[in-house]
Amino acid sequence: MAYVINDSCVSCGTCEGECPVGAIGAGDGKYEINADTCVDCGTCAGACPVGAIAAE
């Protein structure tokens, strides 16, 4: 089960730098997590300053 970024994302980029496998990138209006690359570690969720990331 991959993590997802919801519409609360403020596009700060913090999560992208914290992802150990490079599964996060800028999307259309918010960052997105590639579910095929995500290893479900939760590092991004802990790093997000606005709580926009949660397990799917």
PDB file of N, CA and C in Angstrom:
ATOM      1  N   MET A   1       0.852  -1.181   0.000  1.00  0.00           N
ATOM      2  CA  MET A   1       0.000   0.000   0.000  1.00  0.00           C
ATOM      3  C   MET A   1       0.892   1.236   0.000  1.00  0.00           C
ATOM      4  N   ALA A   2       0.862   1.983  -1.059  1.00  0.00           N
ATOM      5  CA  ALA A   2       1.687   3.179  -1.195  1.00  0.00           C
ATOM      6  C   ALA A   2       1.090   4.349  -0.434  1.00  0.00           C
ATOM      7  N   TYR A   3       1.918   5.326  -0.202  1.00  0.00           N
ATOM      8  CA  TYR A   3       1.460   6.573   0.397  1.00  0.00           C
ATOM      9  C   TYR A   3       0.963   7.485  -0.712  1.00  0.00           C
ATOM     10  N   VAL A   4       0.070   8.405  -0.365  1.00  0.00           N
ATOM     11  CA  VAL A   4      -0.466   9.367  -1.327  1.00  0.00           C
ATOM     12  C   VAL A   4      -0.411  10.763  -0.731  1.00  0.00           C
ATOM     13  N   ILE A   5      -0.353  11.746  -1.612  1.00  0.00           N
ATOM     14  CA  ILE A   5      -0.327  13.144  -1.202  1.00  0.00           C
ATOM     15  C   ILE A   5      -1.678  13.750  -1.545  1.00  0.00           C
ATOM     16  N   ASN A   6      -2.341  14.343  -0.560  1.00  0.00           N
ATOM     17  CA  ASN A   6      -3.671  14.911  -0.806  1.00  0.00           C
ATOM     18  C   ASN A   6      -3.590  16.376  -1.223  1.00  0.00           C
ATOM     19  N   ASP A   7      -4.743  17.007  -1.383  1.00  0.00           N
ATOM     20  CA  ASP A   7      -4.819  18.377  -1.875  1.00  0.00           C
ATOM     21  C   ASP A   7      -4.337  19.422  -0.871  1.00  0.00           C
ATOM     22  N   SER A   8      -3.984  19.013   0.343  1.00  0.00           N
ATOM     23  CA  SER A   8      -3.435  19.946   1.326  1.00  0.00           C
ATOM     24  C   SER A   8      -1.982  20.292   1.023  1.00  0.00           C
ATOM     25  N   CYS A   9      -1.388  19.597   0.063  1.00  0.00           N
ATOM     26  CA  CYS A   9       0.010  19.812  -0.329  1.00  0.00           C
ATOM     27  C   CYS A   9       0.229  21.274  -0.733  1.00  0.00           C
ATOM     28  N   VAL A  10       1.296  21.868  -0.188  1.00  0.00           N
ATOM     29  CA  VAL A  10       1.640  23.247  -0.520  1.00  0.00           C
ATOM     30  C   VAL A  10       2.849  23.316  -1.455  1.00  0.00           C
ATOM     31  N   SER A  11       3.246  22.180  -2.016  1.00  0.00           N
ATOM     32  CA  SER A  11       4.349  22.084  -2.981  1.00  0.00           C
ATOM     33  C   SER A  11       5.661  22.653  -2.449  1.00  0.00           C
ATOM     34  N   CYS A  12       5.965  22.368  -1.189  1.00  0.00           N
ATOM     35  CA  CYS A  12       7.213  22.874  -0.599  1.00  0.00           C
ATOM     36  C   CYS A  12       8.416  22.029  -1.002  1.00  0.00           C
ATOM     37  N   GLY A  13       8.197  20.764  -1.387  1.00  0.00           N
ATOM     38  CA  GLY A  13       9.279  19.904  -1.824  1.00  0.00           C
ATOM     39  C   GLY A  13      10.007  19.153  -0.728  1.00  0.00           C
ATOM     40  N   THR A  14       9.605  19.329   0.513  1.00  0.00           N
ATOM     41  CA  THR A  14      10.269  18.648   1.628  1.00  0.00           C
ATOM     42  C   THR A  14      10.232  17.141   1.460  1.00  0.00           C
ATOM     43  N   CYS A  15       9.104  16.610   1.091  1.00  0.00           N
ATOM     44  CA  CYS A  15       8.943  15.161   0.943  1.00  0.00           C
ATOM     45  C   CYS A  15       9.864  14.586  -0.121  1.00  0.00           C
ATOM     46  N   GLU A  16      10.023  15.295  -1.209  1.00  0.00           N
ATOM     47  CA  GLU A  16      10.852  14.806  -2.310  1.00  0.00           C
ATOM     48  C   GLU A  16      12.290  14.572  -1.840  1.00  0.00           C
ATOM     49  N   GLY A  17      12.814  15.495  -1.058  1.00  0.00           N
ATOM     50  CA  GLY A  17      14.173  15.370  -0.567  1.00  0.00           C
ATOM     51  C   GLY A  17      14.345  14.293   0.490  1.00  0.00           C
ATOM     52  N   GLU A  18      13.269  13.921   1.157  1.00  0.00           N
ATOM     53  CA  GLU A  18      13.329  12.919   2.219  1.00  0.00           C
ATOM     54  C   GLU A  18      13.126  11.490   1.728  1.00  0.00           C
ATOM     55  N   CYS A  19      12.544  11.311   0.566  1.00  0.00           N
ATOM     56  CA  CYS A  19      12.240   9.965   0.064  1.00  0.00           C
ATOM     57  C   CYS A  19      13.526   9.204  -0.270  1.00  0.00           C
ATOM     58  N   PRO A  20      13.754   8.069   0.394  1.00  0.00           N
ATOM     59  CA  PRO A  20      14.999   7.323   0.167  1.00  0.00           C
ATOM     60  C   PRO A  20      15.079   6.594  -1.174  1.00  0.00           C
ATOM     61  N   VAL A  21      13.955   6.456  -1.859  1.00  0.00           N
ATOM     62  CA  VAL A  21      13.963   5.744  -3.140  1.00  0.00           C
ATOM     63  C   VAL A  21      13.584   6.633  -4.327  1.00  0.00           C
ATOM     64  N   GLY A  22      13.445   7.928  -4.111  1.00  0.00           N
ATOM     65  CA  GLY A  22      13.136   8.844  -5.200  1.00  0.00           C
ATOM     66  C   GLY A  22      11.775   8.652  -5.819  1.00  0.00           C
ATOM     67  N   ALA A  23      10.796   8.278  -5.003  1.00  0.00           N
ATOM     68  CA  ALA A  23       9.458   8.002  -5.525  1.00  0.00           C
ATOM     69  C   ALA A  23       8.577   9.245  -5.642  1.00  0.00           C
ATOM     70  N   ILE A  24       9.066  10.392  -5.206  1.00  0.00           N
ATOM     71  CA  ILE A  24       8.236  11.600  -5.179  1.00  0.00           C
ATOM     72  C   ILE A  24       8.769  12.636  -6.157  1.00  0.00           C
ATOM     73  N   GLY A  25       7.836  13.252  -6.896  1.00  0.00           N
ATOM     74  CA  GLY A  25       8.204  14.292  -7.842  1.00  0.00           C
ATOM     75  C   GLY A  25       7.090  15.308  -7.978  1.00  0.00           C
ATOM     76  N   ALA A  26       7.425  16.441  -8.553  1.00  0.00           N
ATOM     77  CA  ALA A  26       6.442  17.503  -8.753  1.00  0.00           C
ATOM     78  C   ALA A  26       5.392  17.047  -9.756  1.00  0.00           C
ATOM     79  N   GLY A  27       4.143  17.274  -9.386  1.00  0.00           N
ATOM     80  CA  GLY A  27       3.035  16.932 -10.265  1.00  0.00           C
ATOM     81  C   GLY A  27       2.288  18.179 -10.674  1.00  0.00           C
ATOM     82  N   ASP A  28       1.063  18.018 -11.068  1.00  0.00           N
ATOM     83  CA  ASP A  28       0.226  19.130 -11.512  1.00  0.00           C
ATOM     84  C   ASP A  28      -0.410  19.801 -10.297  1.00  0.00           C
ATOM     85  N   GLY A  29       0.213  20.833  -9.771  1.00  0.00           N
ATOM     86  CA  GLY A  29      -0.329  21.581  -8.645  1.00  0.00           C
ATOM     87  C   GLY A  29       0.054  21.048  -7.276  1.00  0.00           C
ATOM     88  N   LYS A  30       0.642  19.862  -7.210  1.00  0.00           N
ATOM     89  CA  LYS A  30       1.102  19.277  -5.954  1.00  0.00           C
ATOM     90  C   LYS A  30       2.105  18.178  -6.272  1.00  0.00           C
ATOM     91  N   TYR A  31       2.803  17.726  -5.263  1.00  0.00           N
ATOM     92  CA  TYR A  31       3.748  16.630  -5.463  1.00  0.00           C
ATOM     93  C   TYR A  31       2.988  15.313  -5.551  1.00  0.00           C
ATOM     94  N   GLU A  32       3.599  14.326  -6.207  1.00  0.00           N
ATOM     95  CA  GLU A  32       2.963  13.027  -6.387  1.00  0.00           C
ATOM     96  C   GLU A  32       3.936  11.919  -6.031  1.00  0.00           C
ATOM     97  N   ILE A  33       3.397  10.805  -5.557  1.00  0.00           N
ATOM     98  CA  ILE A  33       4.203   9.646  -5.203  1.00  0.00           C
ATOM     99  C   ILE A  33       3.956   8.551  -6.231  1.00  0.00           C
ATOM    100  N   ASN A  34       5.024   8.024  -6.794  1.00  0.00           N
ATOM    101  CA  ASN A  34       4.928   6.924  -7.747  1.00  0.00           C
ATOM    102  C   ASN A  34       4.710   5.640  -6.941  1.00  0.00           C
ATOM    103  N   ALA A  35       3.527   5.076  -7.016  1.00  0.00           N
ATOM    104  CA  ALA A  35       3.160   3.896  -6.230  1.00  0.00           C
ATOM    105  C   ALA A  35       4.029   2.680  -6.562  1.00  0.00           C
ATOM    106  N   ASP A  36       4.534   2.600  -7.785  1.00  0.00           N
ATOM    107  CA  ASP A  36       5.371   1.475  -8.173  1.00  0.00           C
ATOM    108  C   ASP A  36       6.763   1.539  -7.553  1.00  0.00           C
ATOM    109  N   THR A  37       7.194   2.735  -7.190  1.00  0.00           N
ATOM    110  CA  THR A  37       8.523   2.935  -6.612  1.00  0.00           C
ATOM    111  C   THR A  37       8.481   3.018  -5.090  1.00  0.00           C
ATOM    112  N   CYS A  38       7.378   3.502  -4.548  1.00  0.00           N
ATOM    113  CA  CYS A  38       7.214   3.682  -3.094  1.00  0.00           C
ATOM    114  C   CYS A  38       7.414   2.359  -2.354  1.00  0.00           C
ATOM    115  N   VAL A  39       8.199   2.407  -1.267  1.00  0.00           N
ATOM    116  CA  VAL A  39       8.449   1.204  -0.456  1.00  0.00           C
ATOM    117  C   VAL A  39       7.706   1.256   0.880  1.00  0.00           C
ATOM    118  N   ASP A  40       6.755   2.147   1.005  1.00  0.00           N
ATOM    119  CA  ASP A  40       5.887   2.252   2.189  1.00  0.00           C
ATOM    120  C   ASP A  40       6.639   2.487   3.492  1.00  0.00           C
ATOM    121  N   CYS A  41       7.710   3.262   3.441  1.00  0.00           N
ATOM    122  CA  CYS A  41       8.502   3.499   4.655  1.00  0.00           C
ATOM    123  C   CYS A  41       7.901   4.581   5.543  1.00  0.00           C
ATOM    124  N   GLY A  42       7.113   5.510   4.966  1.00  0.00           N
ATOM    125  CA  GLY A  42       6.469   6.553   5.740  1.00  0.00           C
ATOM    126  C   GLY A  42       7.338   7.758   6.054  1.00  0.00           C
ATOM    127  N   THR A  43       8.550   7.785   5.544  1.00  0.00           N
ATOM    128  CA  THR A  43       9.452   8.907   5.802  1.00  0.00           C
ATOM    129  C   THR A  43       8.851  10.218   5.309  1.00  0.00           C
ATOM    130  N   CYS A  44       8.230  10.186   4.166  1.00  0.00           N
ATOM    131  CA  CYS A  44       7.631  11.394   3.595  1.00  0.00           C
ATOM    132  C   CYS A  44       6.516  11.941   4.480  1.00  0.00           C
ATOM    133  N   ALA A  45       5.689  11.047   5.004  1.00  0.00           N
ATOM    134  CA  ALA A  45       4.578  11.474   5.856  1.00  0.00           C
ATOM    135  C   ALA A  45       5.092  12.171   7.112  1.00  0.00           C
ATOM    136  N   GLY A  46       6.166  11.653   7.670  1.00  0.00           N
ATOM    137  CA  GLY A  46       6.747  12.266   8.856  1.00  0.00           C
ATOM    138  C   GLY A  46       7.402  13.599   8.576  1.00  0.00           C
ATOM    139  N   ALA A  47       7.852  13.804   7.347  1.00  0.00           N
ATOM    140  CA  ALA A  47       8.549  15.035   6.979  1.00  0.00           C
ATOM    141  C   ALA A  47       7.609  16.150   6.532  1.00  0.00           C
ATOM    142  N   CYS A  48       6.414  15.805   6.097  1.00  0.00           N
ATOM    143  CA  CYS A  48       5.484  16.803   5.547  1.00  0.00           C
ATOM    144  C   CYS A  48       5.042  17.800   6.622  1.00  0.00           C
ATOM    145  N   PRO A  49       5.318  19.090   6.402  1.00  0.00           N
ATOM    146  CA  PRO A  49       4.974  20.095   7.411  1.00  0.00           C
ATOM    147  C   PRO A  49       3.473  20.389   7.531  1.00  0.00           C
ATOM    148  N   VAL A  50       2.685  19.973   6.541  1.00  0.00           N
ATOM    149  CA  VAL A  50       1.252  20.255   6.583  1.00  0.00           C
ATOM    150  C   VAL A  50       0.397  18.988   6.697  1.00  0.00           C
ATOM    151  N   GLY A  51       1.030  17.831   6.873  1.00  0.00           N
ATOM    152  CA  GLY A  51       0.295  16.588   7.034  1.00  0.00           C
ATOM    153  C   GLY A  51      -0.493  16.157   5.818  1.00  0.00           C
ATOM    154  N   ALA A  52       0.048  16.426   4.635  1.00  0.00           N
ATOM    155  CA  ALA A  52      -0.671  16.127   3.406  1.00  0.00           C
ATOM    156  C   ALA A  52      -0.422  14.720   2.872  1.00  0.00           C
ATOM    157  N   ILE A  53       0.361  13.911   3.603  1.00  0.00           N
ATOM    158  CA  ILE A  53       0.704  12.575   3.111  1.00  0.00           C
ATOM    159  C   ILE A  53       0.197  11.512   4.081  1.00  0.00           C
ATOM    160  N   ALA A  54      -0.468  10.502   3.526  1.00  0.00           N
ATOM    161  CA  ALA A  54      -0.998   9.413   4.347  1.00  0.00           C
ATOM    162  C   ALA A  54      -0.971   8.112   3.560  1.00  0.00           C
ATOM    163  N   ALA A  55      -1.053   7.003   4.276  1.00  0.00           N
ATOM    164  CA  ALA A  55      -1.117   5.709   3.619  1.00  0.00           C
ATOM    165  C   ALA A  55      -2.419   5.606   2.842  1.00  0.00           C
ATOM    166  N   GLU A  56      -2.337   5.039   1.659  1.00  0.00           N
ATOM    167  CA  GLU A  56      -3.514   4.910   0.786  1.00  0.00           C
ATOM    168  C   GLU A  56      -4.485   3.915   1.344  1.00  0.00           C
TER     169      GLU A  56
END
